[in-house]
Amino acid sequence: MSPSNQQLDYEQLSLRLDEIVNRLQDVNTSISDSLKLYTEATQIIKQMEMYLQTAENQLNKLKPTKAK
């Protein structure tokens, strides 16, 4: 497993996810390693979704409110 995913920013998580996808596509990756990589990938995806949700919330706070 890579460095603690909690310490990685979105770009680093994206790069790690790309690495995992490449390893999963490699026919020489064992089933055991594939399962570990898949588990790590799902955790990374969840964390990336949290980053995106946080960014969306921050953007929504910046939107001007419509006057009625």
Protein backbone atom coordinates (compact mmCIF):
# COMPACT_ATOMS: atom_id res chain seq x y z
CA MET A 1 0.00 0.00 0.00
CA SER A 2 1.13 3.55 -0.64
CA PRO A 3 1.72 6.27 1.96
CA SER A 4 -1.25 7.02 4.17
CA ASN A 5 -4.08 8.09 1.87
CA GLN A 6 -5.23 10.63 4.46
CA GLN A 7 -2.05 12.63 3.84
CA LEU A 8 -2.40 12.74 0.05
CA ASP A 9 -4.02 15.54 -1.90
CA TYR A 10 -6.44 15.00 -4.77
CA GLU A 11 -3.77 15.01 -7.47
CA GLN A 12 -1.64 12.48 -5.59
CA LEU A 13 -4.67 10.27 -5.08
CA SER A 14 -5.43 10.47 -8.78
CA LEU A 15 -1.87 9.47 -9.67
CA ARG A 16 -1.99 6.55 -7.24
CA LEU A 17 -5.31 5.43 -8.70
CA ASP A 18 -3.74 5.48 -12.19
CA GLU A 19 -0.88 3.32 -10.88
CA ILE A 20 -3.35 0.86 -9.42
CA VAL A 21 -5.34 0.66 -12.66
CA ASN A 22 -2.13 -0.05 -14.58
CA ARG A 23 -1.17 -2.79 -12.13
CA LEU A 24 -4.64 -4.32 -12.30
CA GLN A 25 -4.41 -4.42 -16.09
CA ASP A 26 -1.06 -6.22 -15.89
CA VAL A 27 -1.60 -9.94 -16.49
CA ASN A 28 1.34 -10.68 -14.18
CA THR A 29 -0.40 -9.19 -11.12
CA SER A 30 -1.48 -12.00 -8.83
CA ILE A 31 -5.07 -12.45 -7.69
CA SER A 32 -3.99 -11.69 -4.12
CA ASP A 33 -2.29 -8.46 -5.14
CA SER A 34 -5.25 -7.57 -7.36
CA LEU A 35 -7.63 -7.86 -4.41
CA LYS A 36 -5.39 -5.65 -2.26
CA LEU A 37 -5.10 -3.10 -5.06
CA TYR A 38 -8.85 -3.15 -5.65
CA THR A 39 -9.46 -2.51 -1.95
CA GLU A 40 -7.01 0.36 -1.96
CA ALA A 41 -8.62 1.78 -5.11
CA THR A 42 -12.08 1.79 -3.54
CA GLN A 43 -10.71 3.66 -0.51
CA ILE A 44 -9.00 6.19 -2.77
CA ILE A 45 -12.18 6.72 -4.77
CA LYS A 46 -14.16 7.39 -1.59
CA GLN A 47 -11.58 9.93 -0.47
CA MET A 48 -11.57 11.61 -3.88
CA GLU A 49 -15.36 11.84 -3.73
CA MET A 50 -15.07 13.56 -0.34
CA TYR A 51 -12.57 16.05 -1.80
CA LEU A 52 -14.97 16.81 -4.65
CA GLN A 53 -17.95 17.17 -2.32
CA THR A 54 -15.99 19.58 -0.13
CA ALA A 55 -14.94 21.61 -3.18
CA GLU A 56 -18.54 21.72 -4.43
CA ASN A 57 -19.75 22.91 -1.02
CA GLN A 58 -17.13 25.66 -0.98
CA LEU A 59 -18.12 26.77 -4.49
CA ASN A 60 -21.78 26.83 -3.52
CA LYS A 61 -20.95 29.12 -0.62
CA LEU A 62 -19.29 31.54 -3.04
CA LYS A 63 -22.26 31.72 -5.39
CA PRO A 64 -24.16 34.95 -5.09
CA THR A 65 -27.68 34.51 -3.82
CA LYS A 66 -30.45 35.52 -6.17
CA ALA A 67 -32.51 38.48 -5.00
CA LYS A 68 -36.25 38.03 -5.23
